[in-house]
Amino acid sequence: MATTPTTIAEYIAGFSPEVQAILQKIRAVISNAAPDAEETISYRILAFKQNGILVYFAAFKHHIGFYPPVKGDARLTKELARYAGEKGNLQFPLDEPIPYGLIKRIVALRVKQDRAKKAAKAKSRRGA
């Protein structure tokens, strides 16, 4: 078994050139939508975090997995329904165009939710 990657670049390098290109584009979309987020490896898959984890993504044999499930935007959830896996996590088939625009919207929503959660924690610490 190969060693576990410690960076997103190492993780991506372990795939075919076609999948590498998809992962690199997803990485760029996330970076642009969440410029303050840090790249990391968590649960042996790719992740971006700010105050907490914004999103995870990983390549599989037939799809790109995208996590966590989308909550808080009914319209976006409806648009993503065709990609929903068993637990609401998203699966983007590799034999179809990857919906990069939807990924951008997911990340923007997660950034907004992350900031709201941070603000709520700060407010509760102040006792307000």
N, C-alpha and C. Protein backbone atom coordinates (compact mmCIF):
# COMPACT_ATOMS: atom_id res chain seq x y z
N MET A 1 0.85 -1.19 0.00
CA MET A 1 0.00 0.00 0.00
C MET A 1 0.89 1.24 0.00
N ALA A 2 0.55 2.20 -0.81
CA ALA A 2 1.31 3.44 -0.89
C ALA A 2 1.15 4.25 0.39
N THR A 3 2.07 5.17 0.61
CA THR A 3 1.96 6.01 1.80
C THR A 3 0.77 6.95 1.67
N THR A 4 0.23 7.34 2.80
CA THR A 4 -0.90 8.25 2.83
C THR A 4 -0.42 9.66 2.48
N PRO A 5 -1.06 10.31 1.52
CA PRO A 5 -0.64 11.67 1.15
C PRO A 5 -0.83 12.63 2.32
N THR A 6 0.07 13.59 2.42
CA THR A 6 -0.02 14.59 3.49
C THR A 6 -0.42 15.97 2.96
N THR A 7 -0.45 16.10 1.63
CA THR A 7 -0.87 17.37 1.03
C THR A 7 -1.86 17.09 -0.09
N ILE A 8 -2.59 18.12 -0.47
CA ILE A 8 -3.54 17.98 -1.57
C ILE A 8 -2.79 17.65 -2.86
N ALA A 9 -1.63 18.27 -3.07
CA ALA A 9 -0.85 18.00 -4.28
C ALA A 9 -0.44 16.53 -4.35
N GLU A 10 0.00 15.97 -3.24
CA GLU A 10 0.37 14.54 -3.22
C GLU A 10 -0.84 13.66 -3.51
N TYR A 11 -1.97 14.00 -2.92
CA TYR A 11 -3.20 13.23 -3.15
C TYR A 11 -3.55 13.23 -4.64
N ILE A 12 -3.58 14.41 -5.23
CA ILE A 12 -3.98 14.55 -6.63
C ILE A 12 -3.01 13.80 -7.54
N ALA A 13 -1.73 13.83 -7.22
CA ALA A 13 -0.72 13.16 -8.06
C ALA A 13 -0.93 11.65 -8.16
N GLY A 14 -1.70 11.07 -7.27
CA GLY A 14 -1.93 9.64 -7.28
C GLY A 14 -2.99 9.17 -8.26
N PHE A 15 -3.54 10.07 -9.07
CA PHE A 15 -4.61 9.71 -10.00
C PHE A 15 -4.18 9.89 -11.45
N SER A 16 -5.01 9.37 -12.35
CA SER A 16 -4.75 9.51 -13.79
C SER A 16 -4.76 11.00 -14.16
N PRO A 17 -4.12 11.35 -15.27
CA PRO A 17 -4.11 12.76 -15.69
C PRO A 17 -5.52 13.36 -15.83
N GLU A 18 -6.48 12.57 -16.29
CA GLU A 18 -7.85 13.07 -16.46
C GLU A 18 -8.47 13.43 -15.11
N VAL A 19 -8.30 12.57 -14.13
CA VAL A 19 -8.85 12.82 -12.80
C VAL A 19 -8.06 13.93 -12.11
N GLN A 20 -6.75 13.97 -12.32
CA GLN A 20 -5.95 15.06 -11.76
C GLN A 20 -6.47 16.41 -12.23
N ALA A 21 -6.80 16.51 -13.51
CA ALA A 21 -7.31 17.78 -14.05
C ALA A 21 -8.62 18.18 -13.38
N ILE A 22 -9.50 17.22 -13.14
CA ILE A 22 -10.77 17.50 -12.47
C ILE A 22 -10.52 17.95 -11.04
N LEU A 23 -9.67 17.22 -10.32
CA LEU A 23 -9.38 17.57 -8.93
C LEU A 23 -8.71 18.95 -8.84
N GLN A 24 -7.82 19.25 -9.77
CA GLN A 24 -7.16 20.56 -9.76
C GLN A 24 -8.17 21.68 -10.01
N LYS A 25 -9.12 21.43 -10.91
CA LYS A 25 -10.13 22.46 -11.20
C LYS A 25 -11.05 22.65 -9.99
N ILE A 26 -11.45 21.55 -9.33
CA ILE A 26 -12.27 21.66 -8.11
C ILE A 26 -11.50 22.43 -7.06
N ARG A 27 -10.22 22.11 -6.91
CA ARG A 27 -9.35 22.81 -5.94
C ARG A 27 -9.34 24.31 -6.23
N ALA A 28 -9.21 24.69 -7.51
CA ALA A 28 -9.19 26.11 -7.88
C ALA A 28 -10.53 26.78 -7.62
N VAL A 29 -11.62 26.09 -7.94
CA VAL A 29 -12.96 26.64 -7.70
C VAL A 29 -13.15 26.91 -6.21
N ILE A 30 -12.76 25.95 -5.38
CA ILE A 30 -12.90 26.11 -3.93
C ILE A 30 -12.02 27.26 -3.44
N SER A 31 -10.77 27.30 -3.90
CA SER A 31 -9.85 28.36 -3.48
C SER A 31 -10.38 29.74 -3.84
N ASN A 32 -10.98 29.87 -5.03
CA ASN A 32 -11.53 31.15 -5.45
C ASN A 32 -12.77 31.53 -4.65
N ALA A 33 -13.61 30.55 -4.32
CA ALA A 33 -14.84 30.82 -3.57
C ALA A 33 -14.58 31.01 -2.08
N ALA A 34 -13.46 30.48 -1.60
CA ALA A 34 -13.11 30.59 -0.17
C ALA A 34 -11.63 30.95 -0.06
N PRO A 35 -11.27 32.18 -0.44
CA PRO A 35 -9.85 32.55 -0.48
C PRO A 35 -9.13 32.51 0.86
N ASP A 36 -9.86 32.57 1.97
CA ASP A 36 -9.23 32.51 3.28
C ASP A 36 -9.11 31.09 3.83
N ALA A 37 -9.63 30.13 3.11
CA ALA A 37 -9.62 28.74 3.58
C ALA A 37 -8.24 28.13 3.39
N GLU A 38 -7.93 27.19 4.27
CA GLU A 38 -6.68 26.44 4.20
C GLU A 38 -6.94 25.06 3.65
N GLU A 39 -6.00 24.57 2.85
CA GLU A 39 -6.07 23.21 2.35
C GLU A 39 -5.54 22.25 3.42
N THR A 40 -6.15 21.08 3.49
CA THR A 40 -5.68 20.08 4.43
C THR A 40 -6.11 18.69 3.95
N ILE A 41 -5.58 17.69 4.60
CA ILE A 41 -6.04 16.32 4.42
C ILE A 41 -6.72 15.95 5.72
N SER A 42 -7.93 15.45 5.64
CA SER A 42 -8.68 15.04 6.83
C SER A 42 -9.45 13.78 6.46
N TYR A 43 -9.43 12.80 7.32
CA TYR A 43 -10.06 11.51 7.03
C TYR A 43 -9.49 10.91 5.74
N ARG A 44 -8.24 11.20 5.46
CA ARG A 44 -7.52 10.69 4.28
C ARG A 44 -8.07 11.22 2.95
N ILE A 45 -8.84 12.31 3.01
CA ILE A 45 -9.33 12.94 1.78
C ILE A 45 -9.04 14.44 1.83
N LEU A 46 -9.28 15.10 0.73
CA LEU A 46 -8.99 16.52 0.61
C LEU A 46 -10.03 17.35 1.35
N ALA A 47 -9.58 18.44 1.95
CA ALA A 47 -10.51 19.30 2.67
C ALA A 47 -10.01 20.74 2.63
N PHE A 48 -10.96 21.64 2.79
CA PHE A 48 -10.67 23.06 2.97
C PHE A 48 -11.33 23.48 4.26
N LYS A 49 -10.60 24.25 5.08
CA LYS A 49 -11.16 24.68 6.37
C LYS A 49 -10.91 26.16 6.59
N GLN A 50 -11.80 26.76 7.36
CA GLN A 50 -11.64 28.12 7.86
C GLN A 50 -11.72 28.02 9.37
N ASN A 51 -12.88 28.30 9.94
CA ASN A 51 -13.06 28.12 11.38
C ASN A 51 -13.32 26.65 11.68
N GLY A 52 -13.88 25.98 10.73
CA GLY A 52 -14.12 24.55 10.76
C GLY A 52 -13.99 24.06 9.32
N ILE A 53 -14.23 22.80 9.10
CA ILE A 53 -14.15 22.26 7.75
C ILE A 53 -15.28 22.85 6.90
N LEU A 54 -14.92 23.38 5.75
CA LEU A 54 -15.93 23.88 4.81
C LEU A 54 -16.43 22.73 3.94
N VAL A 55 -15.50 22.08 3.26
CA VAL A 55 -15.86 20.97 2.38
C VAL A 55 -14.74 19.94 2.34
N TYR A 56 -15.15 18.72 2.04
CA TYR A 56 -14.23 17.63 1.74
C TYR A 56 -14.52 17.21 0.30
N PHE A 57 -13.50 16.67 -0.38
CA PHE A 57 -13.75 16.06 -1.68
C PHE A 57 -12.71 14.98 -1.93
N ALA A 58 -13.10 14.00 -2.73
CA ALA A 58 -12.23 12.87 -2.99
C ALA A 58 -12.59 12.22 -4.31
N ALA A 59 -11.61 11.60 -4.92
CA ALA A 59 -11.84 10.87 -6.16
C ALA A 59 -12.04 9.39 -5.87
N PHE A 60 -12.99 8.82 -6.57
CA PHE A 60 -13.27 7.39 -6.49
C PHE A 60 -13.26 6.84 -7.91
N LYS A 61 -13.46 5.57 -8.06
CA LYS A 61 -13.35 4.94 -9.37
C LYS A 61 -14.29 5.56 -10.41
N HIS A 62 -15.53 5.86 -10.01
CA HIS A 62 -16.52 6.34 -10.98
C HIS A 62 -17.06 7.74 -10.68
N HIS A 63 -16.63 8.35 -9.59
CA HIS A 63 -17.18 9.66 -9.25
C HIS A 63 -16.23 10.46 -8.37
N ILE A 64 -16.57 11.73 -8.22
CA ILE A 64 -15.93 12.61 -7.24
C ILE A 64 -16.92 12.74 -6.09
N GLY A 65 -16.49 12.42 -4.90
CA GLY A 65 -17.34 12.59 -3.72
C GLY A 65 -17.14 13.99 -3.17
N PHE A 66 -18.22 14.61 -2.72
CA PHE A 66 -18.18 15.97 -2.19
C PHE A 66 -19.01 16.00 -0.92
N TYR A 67 -18.45 16.51 0.16
CA TYR A 67 -19.05 16.43 1.48
C TYR A 67 -18.92 17.78 2.18
N PRO A 68 -19.65 18.10 3.20
CA PRO A 68 -20.79 17.38 3.78
C PRO A 68 -22.05 17.66 2.97
N PRO A 69 -23.16 17.02 3.34
CA PRO A 69 -24.42 17.29 2.65
C PRO A 69 -24.77 18.78 2.72
N VAL A 70 -25.39 19.28 1.68
CA VAL A 70 -25.79 20.69 1.62
C VAL A 70 -27.06 20.89 2.42
N LYS A 71 -27.03 21.86 3.31
CA LYS A 71 -28.21 22.21 4.13
C LYS A 71 -28.34 23.72 4.15
N GLY A 72 -29.57 24.20 4.25
CA GLY A 72 -29.78 25.63 4.44
C GLY A 72 -30.10 26.42 3.19
N ASP A 73 -30.17 25.77 2.03
CA ASP A 73 -30.52 26.47 0.80
C ASP A 73 -31.36 25.50 -0.03
N ALA A 74 -32.67 25.63 0.07
CA ALA A 74 -33.60 24.69 -0.57
C ALA A 74 -33.42 24.66 -2.09
N ARG A 75 -33.19 25.81 -2.69
CA ARG A 75 -33.03 25.86 -4.15
C ARG A 75 -31.77 25.10 -4.58
N LEU A 76 -30.68 25.33 -3.88
CA LEU A 76 -29.43 24.63 -4.20
C LEU A 76 -29.58 23.13 -3.94
N THR A 77 -30.20 22.76 -2.85
CA THR A 77 -30.43 21.35 -2.53
C THR A 77 -31.22 20.67 -3.64
N LYS A 78 -32.23 21.36 -4.16
CA LYS A 78 -33.04 20.81 -5.25
C LYS A 78 -32.18 20.61 -6.51
N GLU A 79 -31.33 21.59 -6.82
CA GLU A 79 -30.47 21.48 -8.00
C GLU A 79 -29.45 20.35 -7.86
N LEU A 80 -29.08 20.03 -6.64
CA LEU A 80 -28.09 18.99 -6.39
C LEU A 80 -28.69 17.60 -6.21
N ALA A 81 -30.00 17.51 -6.19
CA ALA A 81 -30.69 16.24 -5.89
C ALA A 81 -30.20 15.08 -6.76
N ARG A 82 -29.95 15.33 -8.01
CA ARG A 82 -29.52 14.23 -8.90
C ARG A 82 -28.14 13.68 -8.53
N TYR A 83 -27.37 14.43 -7.76
CA TYR A 83 -26.04 14.00 -7.36
C TYR A 83 -26.00 13.42 -5.94
N ALA A 84 -27.12 13.46 -5.24
CA ALA A 84 -27.15 13.05 -3.83
C ALA A 84 -26.92 11.54 -3.69
N GLY A 85 -25.99 11.20 -2.81
CA GLY A 85 -25.72 9.80 -2.51
C GLY A 85 -26.61 9.34 -1.36
N GLU A 86 -26.30 8.18 -0.82
CA GLU A 86 -27.14 7.58 0.23
C GLU A 86 -27.34 8.46 1.45
N LYS A 87 -26.29 9.15 1.89
CA LYS A 87 -26.39 9.96 3.11
C LYS A 87 -26.47 11.45 2.80
N GLY A 88 -26.82 11.78 1.56
CA GLY A 88 -26.92 13.17 1.17
C GLY A 88 -25.60 13.76 0.68
N ASN A 89 -24.50 13.00 0.84
CA ASN A 89 -23.25 13.46 0.28
C ASN A 89 -23.36 13.42 -1.24
N LEU A 90 -22.60 14.24 -1.90
CA LEU A 90 -22.73 14.36 -3.35
C LEU A 90 -21.75 13.47 -4.09
N GLN A 91 -22.22 12.95 -5.22
CA GLN A 91 -21.39 12.13 -6.10
C GLN A 91 -21.51 12.68 -7.51
N PHE A 92 -20.38 13.23 -8.01
CA PHE A 92 -20.34 13.77 -9.36
C PHE A 92 -19.71 12.71 -10.26
N PRO A 93 -20.51 12.09 -11.14
CA PRO A 93 -19.99 11.02 -12.00
C PRO A 93 -18.84 11.52 -12.90
N LEU A 94 -17.81 10.71 -13.02
CA LEU A 94 -16.66 11.08 -13.84
C LEU A 94 -16.96 11.00 -15.33
N ASP A 95 -18.03 10.31 -15.71
CA ASP A 95 -18.37 10.23 -17.13
C ASP A 95 -19.37 11.31 -17.56
N GLU A 96 -19.55 12.32 -16.72
CA GLU A 96 -20.40 13.47 -17.03
C GLU A 96 -19.62 14.74 -16.72
N PRO A 97 -20.02 15.87 -17.30
CA PRO A 97 -19.35 17.13 -16.95
C PRO A 97 -19.51 17.42 -15.45
N ILE A 98 -18.42 17.81 -14.82
CA ILE A 98 -18.46 18.16 -13.39
C ILE A 98 -19.14 19.53 -13.26
N PRO A 99 -20.11 19.67 -12.35
CA PRO A 99 -20.84 20.94 -12.21
C PRO A 99 -20.06 21.96 -11.36
N TYR A 100 -19.02 22.53 -11.95
CA TYR A 100 -18.16 23.44 -11.21
C TYR A 100 -18.92 24.66 -10.68
N GLY A 101 -19.91 25.13 -11.41
CA GLY A 101 -20.71 26.26 -10.94
C GLY A 101 -21.47 25.92 -9.67
N LEU A 102 -21.99 24.70 -9.59
CA LEU A 102 -22.68 24.26 -8.37
C LEU A 102 -21.70 24.12 -7.22
N ILE A 103 -20.50 23.62 -7.52
CA ILE A 103 -19.48 23.49 -6.47
C ILE A 103 -19.16 24.87 -5.91
N LYS A 104 -19.03 25.86 -6.77
CA LYS A 104 -18.76 27.23 -6.32
C LYS A 104 -19.87 27.72 -5.40
N ARG A 105 -21.13 27.45 -5.77
CA ARG A 105 -22.26 27.88 -4.94
C ARG A 105 -22.28 27.15 -3.60
N ILE A 106 -21.94 25.86 -3.60
CA ILE A 106 -21.88 25.09 -2.34
C ILE A 106 -20.84 25.71 -1.42
N VAL A 107 -19.67 26.00 -1.96
CA VAL A 107 -18.59 26.55 -1.13
C VAL A 107 -18.98 27.93 -0.61
N ALA A 108 -19.59 28.75 -1.45
CA ALA A 108 -20.03 30.08 -0.99
C ALA A 108 -21.03 29.95 0.16
N LEU A 109 -21.94 29.00 0.05
CA LEU A 109 -22.90 28.76 1.13
C LEU A 109 -22.19 28.29 2.39
N ARG A 110 -21.25 27.37 2.25
CA ARG A 110 -20.52 26.86 3.41
C ARG A 110 -19.69 27.96 4.09
N VAL A 111 -19.11 28.86 3.31
CA VAL A 111 -18.36 29.99 3.87
C VAL A 111 -19.31 30.86 4.69
N LYS A 112 -20.46 31.16 4.13
CA LYS A 112 -21.47 31.98 4.82
C LYS A 112 -21.90 31.30 6.13
N GLN A 113 -22.15 29.99 6.06
CA GLN A 113 -22.55 29.25 7.26
C GLN A 113 -21.43 29.20 8.29
N ASP A 114 -20.21 29.05 7.82
CA ASP A 114 -19.04 29.00 8.70
C ASP A 114 -18.87 30.32 9.45
N ARG A 115 -19.02 31.42 8.72
CA ARG A 115 -18.90 32.75 9.35
C ARG A 115 -20.02 32.98 10.37
N ALA A 116 -21.23 32.56 10.03
CA ALA A 116 -22.36 32.73 10.95
C ALA A 116 -22.14 31.91 12.22
N LYS A 117 -21.63 30.71 12.06
CA LYS A 117 -21.36 29.84 13.22
C LYS A 117 -20.28 30.47 14.11
N LYS A 118 -19.24 31.03 13.50
CA LYS A 118 -18.18 31.69 14.27
C LYS A 118 -18.74 32.89 15.02
N ALA A 119 -19.57 33.69 14.35
CA ALA A 119 -20.16 34.87 14.98
C ALA A 119 -21.08 34.48 16.13
N ALA A 120 -21.85 33.41 15.97
CA ALA A 120 -22.75 32.95 17.03
C ALA A 120 -21.95 32.47 18.23
N LYS A 121 -20.84 31.78 18.01
CA LYS A 121 -19.99 31.32 19.11
C LYS A 121 -19.40 32.51 19.86
N ALA A 122 -18.93 33.51 19.11
CA ALA A 122 -18.34 34.70 19.72
C ALA A 122 -19.39 35.43 20.55
N LYS A 123 -20.60 35.51 20.03
CA LYS A 123 -21.68 36.20 20.74
C LYS A 123 -22.03 35.46 22.03
N SER A 124 -22.07 34.12 21.97
CA SER A 124 -22.41 33.36 23.17
C SER A 124 -21.31 33.45 24.23
N ARG A 125 -20.07 33.58 23.79
CA ARG A 125 -18.95 33.74 24.75
C ARG A 125 -19.03 35.08 25.45
N ARG A 126 -19.53 36.09 24.75
CA ARG A 126 -19.66 37.41 25.36
C ARG A 126 -20.89 37.50 26.26
N GLY A 127 -21.73 36.48 26.18
CA GLY A 127 -22.92 36.47 27.02
C GLY A 127 -24.04 37.33 26.50
N ALA A 128 -23.97 37.69 25.25
CA ALA A 128 -25.01 38.55 24.67
C ALA A 128 -26.19 37.76 24.20
